[in-house]
C-alpha atoms as a PDB file:
ATOM      1  CA  MET A   1      33.249 -16.806  56.126  1.00  0.00           C
ATOM      2  CA  HIS A   2      35.295 -15.600  59.083  1.00  0.00           C
ATOM      3  CA  LEU A   3      32.608 -13.139  60.175  1.00  0.00           C
ATOM      4  CA  ILE A   4      29.770 -15.682  60.007  1.00  0.00           C
ATOM      5  CA  ARG A   5      31.867 -18.315  61.807  1.00  0.00           C
ATOM      6  CA  THR A   6      32.612 -15.792  64.558  1.00  0.00           C
ATOM      7  CA  LEU A   7      28.969 -14.718  64.865  1.00  0.00           C
ATOM      8  CA  LEU A   8      27.796 -18.331  65.018  1.00  0.00           C
ATOM      9  CA  ARG A   9      30.431 -19.137  67.639  1.00  0.00           C
ATOM     10  CA  LEU A  10      29.288 -16.128  69.707  1.00  0.00           C
ATOM     11  CA  LEU A  11      25.617 -17.091  69.333  1.00  0.00           C
ATOM     12  CA  ILE A  12      26.055 -20.724  70.341  1.00  0.00           C
ATOM     13  CA  GLY A  13      28.501 -19.889  73.108  1.00  0.00           C
ATOM     14  CA  GLY A  14      26.219 -17.145  74.408  1.00  0.00           C
ATOM     15  CA  LEU A  15      23.184 -19.421  74.476  1.00  0.00           C
ATOM     16  CA  PHE A  16      25.137 -21.987  76.467  1.00  0.00           C
ATOM     17  CA  ILE A  17      26.305 -19.293  78.880  1.00  0.00           C
ATOM     18  CA  GLY A  18      22.643 -18.366  79.389  1.00  0.00           C
ATOM     19  CA  HIS A  19      21.590 -21.950  80.046  1.00  0.00           C
ATOM     20  CA  GLY A  20      24.477 -22.490  82.440  1.00  0.00           C
ATOM     21  CA  THR A  21      23.775 -19.339  84.428  1.00  0.00           C
ATOM     22  CA  GLN A  22      20.131 -20.385  84.744  1.00  0.00           C
ATOM     23  CA  LYS A  23      21.363 -23.425  86.665  1.00  0.00           C
ATOM     24  CA  LEU A  24      24.179 -21.713  88.550  1.00  0.00           C
ATOM     25  CA  PHE A  25      22.538 -18.426  89.545  1.00  0.00           C
ATOM     26  CA  GLY A  26      18.866 -18.563  88.586  1.00  0.00           C
ATOM     27  CA  TRP A  27      19.425 -15.910  85.897  1.00  0.00           C
ATOM     28  CA  PHE A  28      17.230 -15.609  82.798  1.00  0.00           C
ATOM     29  CA  GLY A  29      14.270 -17.285  84.472  1.00  0.00           C
ATOM     30  CA  GLY A  30      16.263 -20.263  85.699  1.00  0.00           C
ATOM     31  CA  TYR A  31      15.787 -22.100  88.978  1.00  0.00           C
ATOM     32  CA  GLY A  32      19.324 -21.847  90.316  1.00  0.00           C
ATOM     33  CA  PRO A  33      21.230 -24.732  91.846  1.00  0.00           C
ATOM     34  CA  ASP A  34      18.543 -25.639  94.398  1.00  0.00           C
ATOM     35  CA  GLY A  35      15.590 -25.728  92.007  1.00  0.00           C
ATOM     36  CA  THR A  36      17.569 -27.377  89.238  1.00  0.00           C
ATOM     37  CA  GLY A  37      18.996 -29.778  91.802  1.00  0.00           C
ATOM     38  CA  GLN A  38      15.500 -30.791  92.898  1.00  0.00           C
ATOM     39  CA  PHE A  39      14.589 -31.451  89.263  1.00  0.00           C
ATOM     40  CA  PHE A  40      17.765 -33.470  88.766  1.00  0.00           C
ATOM     41  CA  GLU A  41      16.939 -35.528  91.870  1.00  0.00           C
ATOM     42  CA  SER A  42      13.464 -36.217  90.445  1.00  0.00           C
ATOM     43  CA  ILE A  43      14.964 -37.711  87.277  1.00  0.00           C
ATOM     44  CA  GLY A  44      17.523 -39.788  89.161  1.00  0.00           C
ATOM     45  CA  LEU A  45      20.608 -37.555  88.986  1.00  0.00           C
ATOM     46  CA  ARG A  46      21.908 -37.592  92.546  1.00  0.00           C
ATOM     47  CA  PRO A  47      23.062 -35.634  94.374  1.00  0.00           C
ATOM     48  CA  GLY A  48      20.935 -33.207  92.421  1.00  0.00           C
ATOM     49  CA  ARG A  49      22.430 -29.900  93.515  1.00  0.00           C
ATOM     50  CA  GLN A  50      25.951 -31.118  92.805  1.00  0.00           C
ATOM     51  CA  LYS A  51      24.950 -32.404  89.368  1.00  0.00           C
ATOM     52  CA  ALA A  52      23.165 -29.092  88.659  1.00  0.00           C
ATOM     53  CA  MET A  53      26.334 -27.191  89.520  1.00  0.00           C
ATOM     54  CA  ILE A  54      28.431 -29.448  87.285  1.00  0.00           C
ATOM     55  CA  ALA A  55      25.971 -29.091  84.391  1.00  0.00           C
ATOM     56  CA  GLY A  56      25.717 -25.320  84.869  1.00  0.00           C
ATOM     57  CA  ALA A  57      29.490 -24.874  85.070  1.00  0.00           C
ATOM     58  CA  SER A  58      29.970 -27.052  81.989  1.00  0.00           C
ATOM     59  CA  GLU A  59      27.420 -25.057  80.006  1.00  0.00           C
ATOM     60  CA  ALA A  60      28.505 -21.601  81.168  1.00  0.00           C
ATOM     61  CA  GLY A  61      32.221 -22.389  81.084  1.00  0.00           C
ATOM     62  CA  GLY A  62      32.089 -24.274  77.798  1.00  0.00           C
ATOM     63  CA  GLY A  63      29.932 -21.550  76.287  1.00  0.00           C
ATOM     64  CA  ALA A  64      32.347 -18.824  77.416  1.00  0.00           C
ATOM     65  CA  LEU A  65      35.309 -20.746  76.014  1.00  0.00           C
ATOM     66  CA  LEU A  66      33.495 -21.318  72.719  1.00  0.00           C
ATOM     67  CA  ALA A  67      32.406 -17.689  72.424  1.00  0.00           C
ATOM     68  CA  ALA A  68      35.979 -16.525  73.054  1.00  0.00           C
ATOM     69  CA  GLY A  69      37.430 -19.190  70.784  1.00  0.00           C
ATOM     70  CA  LEU A  70      39.698 -20.297  73.607  1.00  0.00           C
ATOM     71  CA  PHE A  71      40.648 -23.934  74.236  1.00  0.00           C
ATOM     72  CA  THR A  72      38.070 -24.860  71.608  1.00  0.00           C
ATOM     73  CA  PRO A  73      38.453 -28.666  71.959  1.00  0.00           C
ATOM     74  CA  ILE A  74      37.731 -28.366  75.692  1.00  0.00           C
ATOM     75  CA  ALA A  75      34.709 -26.169  74.952  1.00  0.00           C
ATOM     76  CA  GLY A  76      33.407 -28.732  72.468  1.00  0.00           C
ATOM     77  CA  THR A  77      33.915 -31.541  74.961  1.00  0.00           C
ATOM     78  CA  LEU A  78      32.098 -29.745  77.795  1.00  0.00           C
ATOM     79  CA  LEU A  79      29.144 -28.758  75.631  1.00  0.00           C
ATOM     80  CA  THR A  80      28.874 -32.183  74.038  1.00  0.00           C
ATOM     81  CA  ALA A  81      28.959 -33.767  77.486  1.00  0.00           C
ATOM     82  CA  VAL A  82      26.019 -31.718  78.766  1.00  0.00           C
ATOM     83  CA  MET A  83      23.988 -32.386  75.627  1.00  0.00           C
ATOM     84  CA  ALA A  84      24.827 -36.109  75.649  1.00  0.00           C
ATOM     85  CA  GLN A  85      23.660 -36.406  79.252  1.00  0.00           C
ATOM     86  CA  ALA A  86      20.462 -34.482  78.510  1.00  0.00           C
ATOM     87  CA  ILE A  87      19.744 -36.821  75.611  1.00  0.00           C
ATOM     88  CA  ARG A  88      20.467 -39.927  77.712  1.00  0.00           C
ATOM     89  CA  THR A  89      18.488 -38.801  80.733  1.00  0.00           C
ATOM     90  CA  LEU A  90      15.516 -36.981  79.243  1.00  0.00           C
ATOM     91  CA  LYS A  91      15.180 -37.384  75.503  1.00  0.00           C
ATOM     92  CA  MET A  92      16.369 -40.686  74.056  1.00  0.00           C
ATOM     93  CA  ASP A  93      13.088 -42.550  74.461  1.00  0.00           C
ATOM     94  CA  LYS A  94      11.092 -39.756  72.784  1.00  0.00           C
ATOM     95  CA  GLY A  95      12.633 -40.074  69.327  1.00  0.00           C
ATOM     96  CA  PRO A  96      14.462 -37.382  67.417  1.00  0.00           C
ATOM     97  CA  PHE A  97      11.887 -34.646  66.918  1.00  0.00           C
ATOM     98  CA  ALA A  98      11.450 -31.704  69.292  1.00  0.00           C
ATOM     99  CA  GLN A  99       7.666 -31.571  68.930  1.00  0.00           C
ATOM    100  CA  ASP A 100       7.595 -35.006  70.581  1.00  0.00           C
ATOM    101  CA  GLY A 101      10.078 -33.965  73.286  1.00  0.00           C
ATOM    102  CA  GLY A 102      12.912 -35.543  71.328  1.00  0.00           C
ATOM    103  CA  TRP A 103      16.630 -34.950  71.165  1.00  0.00           C
ATOM    104  CA  GLU A 104      17.152 -33.057  67.903  1.00  0.00           C
ATOM    105  CA  LEU A 105      18.025 -29.670  69.435  1.00  0.00           C
ATOM    106  CA  GLU A 106      20.525 -31.134  71.891  1.00  0.00           C
ATOM    107  CA  ALA A 107      22.149 -33.087  69.068  1.00  0.00           C
ATOM    108  CA  LEU A 108      22.328 -29.957  66.905  1.00  0.00           C
ATOM    109  CA  PHE A 109      23.942 -27.942  69.681  1.00  0.00           C
ATOM    110  CA  ALA A 110      26.524 -30.667  70.307  1.00  0.00           C
ATOM    111  CA  ALA A 111      27.216 -30.969  66.572  1.00  0.00           C
ATOM    112  CA  ALA A 112      27.615 -27.204  66.275  1.00  0.00           C
ATOM    113  CA  ALA A 113      30.106 -27.114  69.148  1.00  0.00           C
ATOM    114  CA  LEU A 114      32.027 -30.032  67.669  1.00  0.00           C
ATOM    115  CA  SER A 115      32.097 -28.411  64.232  1.00  0.00           C
ATOM    116  CA  PHE A 116      34.204 -25.589  65.688  1.00  0.00           C
ATOM    117  CA  VAL A 117      36.599 -28.178  67.070  1.00  0.00           C
ATOM    118  CA  GLU A 118      36.983 -29.661  63.593  1.00  0.00           C
ATOM    119  CA  ILE A 119      37.201 -26.455  61.525  1.00  0.00           C
ATOM    120  CA  GLY A 120      38.772 -24.308  64.247  1.00  0.00           C
ATOM    121  CA  PRO A 121      37.380 -21.186  65.889  1.00  0.00           C
ATOM    122  CA  GLY A 122      38.704 -18.923  63.131  1.00  0.00           C
ATOM    123  CA  PRO A 123      41.105 -16.001  62.987  1.00  0.00           C
ATOM    124  CA  LEU A 124      38.936 -13.869  65.283  1.00  0.00           C
ATOM    125  CA  SER A 125      39.556 -16.100  68.313  1.00  0.00           C
ATOM    126  CA  LEU A 126      41.867 -16.244  71.286  1.00  0.00           C
ATOM    127  CA  ASP A 127      43.160 -19.661  70.189  1.00  0.00           C
ATOM    128  CA  HIS A 128      44.316 -18.141  66.908  1.00  0.00           C
ATOM    129  CA  MET A 129      45.671 -14.935  68.461  1.00  0.00           C
ATOM    130  CA  LEU A 130      47.647 -16.885  71.084  1.00  0.00           C
ATOM    131  CA  GLY A 131      48.900 -19.416  68.527  1.00  0.00           C
ATOM    132  CA  ILE A 132      47.401 -22.376  70.406  1.00  0.00           C
ATOM    133  CA  GLU A 133      44.671 -23.408  67.985  1.00  0.00           C
ATOM    134  CA  LYS A 134      44.033 -27.144  67.883  1.00  0.00           C
ATOM    135  CA  SER A 135      41.540 -28.326  65.286  1.00  0.00           C
ATOM    136  CA  GLY A 136      40.848 -31.101  62.830  1.00  0.00           C
ATOM    137  CA  THR A 137      38.962 -34.348  62.609  1.00  0.00           C
ATOM    138  CA  GLY A 138      41.121 -36.075  65.228  1.00  0.00           C
ATOM    139  CA  TRP A 139      40.474 -33.335  67.794  1.00  0.00           C
ATOM    140  CA  ALA A 140      36.748 -33.387  66.986  1.00  0.00           C
ATOM    141  CA  LEU A 141      36.540 -37.165  67.402  1.00  0.00           C
ATOM    142  CA  LEU A 142      38.434 -36.933  70.690  1.00  0.00           C
ATOM    143  CA  ALA A 143      36.063 -34.204  71.933  1.00  0.00           C
ATOM    144  CA  LEU A 144      33.063 -36.293  70.844  1.00  0.00           C
ATOM    145  CA  ALA A 145      34.341 -39.422  72.604  1.00  0.00           C
ATOM    146  CA  ALA A 146      35.183 -37.538  75.805  1.00  0.00           C
ATOM    147  CA  GLY A 147      31.874 -35.669  75.680  1.00  0.00           C
ATOM    148  CA  VAL A 148      29.856 -38.856  75.361  1.00  0.00           C
ATOM    149  CA  ALA A 149      31.865 -40.877  77.894  1.00  0.00           C
ATOM    150  CA  GLY A 150      32.553 -38.185  80.487  1.00  0.00           C
ATOM    151  CA  PRO A 151      29.045 -37.730  81.881  1.00  0.00           C
ATOM    152  CA  SER A 152      28.720 -41.465  82.495  1.00  0.00           C
ATOM    153  CA  LEU A 153      31.735 -41.271  84.784  1.00  0.00           C
ATOM    154  CA  VAL A 154      30.445 -38.174  86.611  1.00  0.00           C
ATOM    155  CA  VAL A 155      26.843 -39.361  86.921  1.00  0.00           C
ATOM    156  CA  GLY A 156      27.859 -42.897  87.840  1.00  0.00           C
ATOM    157  CA  SER A 157      30.222 -41.733  90.584  1.00  0.00           C
ATOM    158  CA  GLY A 158      27.554 -39.558  92.171  1.00  0.00           C
ATOM    159  CA  ASP A 159      24.941 -42.298  92.088  1.00  0.00           C
ATOM    160  CA  ALA A 160      27.297 -44.740  93.797  1.00  0.00           C
ATOM    161  CA  ALA A 161      28.149 -42.184  96.459  1.00  0.00           C
ATOM    162  CA  ALA A 162      24.469 -41.347  96.990  1.00  0.00           C
ATOM    163  CA  GLU A 163      23.631 -45.008  97.540  1.00  0.00           C
ATOM    164  CA  GLN A 164      26.332 -45.599 100.162  1.00  0.00           C
ATOM    165  CA  PRO A 165      24.843 -46.099 103.627  1.00  0.00           C
ATOM    166  CA  ALA A 166      25.612 -43.412 106.155  1.00  0.00           C
ATOM    167  CA  PRO A 167      28.354 -44.413 108.598  1.00  0.00           C
ATOM    168  CA  ALA A 168      27.148 -45.428 112.055  1.00  0.00           C
ATOM    169  CA  ALA A 169      27.756 -42.790 114.699  1.00  0.00           C
END
């Protein structure tokens, strides 16, 4: 069980690192902060480049933390936040199934990240080796709540700032 948990944590964390670096650096066929930012602007996430950098850092950073099994509740929160925002912004109106452009994969990735918060990253993790492991249902519910609520605060603050009129010179 410890080996499979570790491999799954590495897989999910690694995939998130890949998605984040697509946004941050244009790696793995990504569009980088400018291209992703333009896309974000087109779907109403403004300022787009800033939101792309936040999303990319959350994915890459959360994925790295998850893969290492370090600060696992923070990793779960960051990854849930990115997936919750993707569902809200792009997927909610399409239903659950991926073939219809729905939200099932984002929900699965968030649930997988949160499962490590509940069960812990395992003995082959930095949390365990450093003696700082925090896990359990309470931590998972806290990570879920912060992951769902957090993007609304970040996205809302950027939208308000983007709509402010420029000061007169």
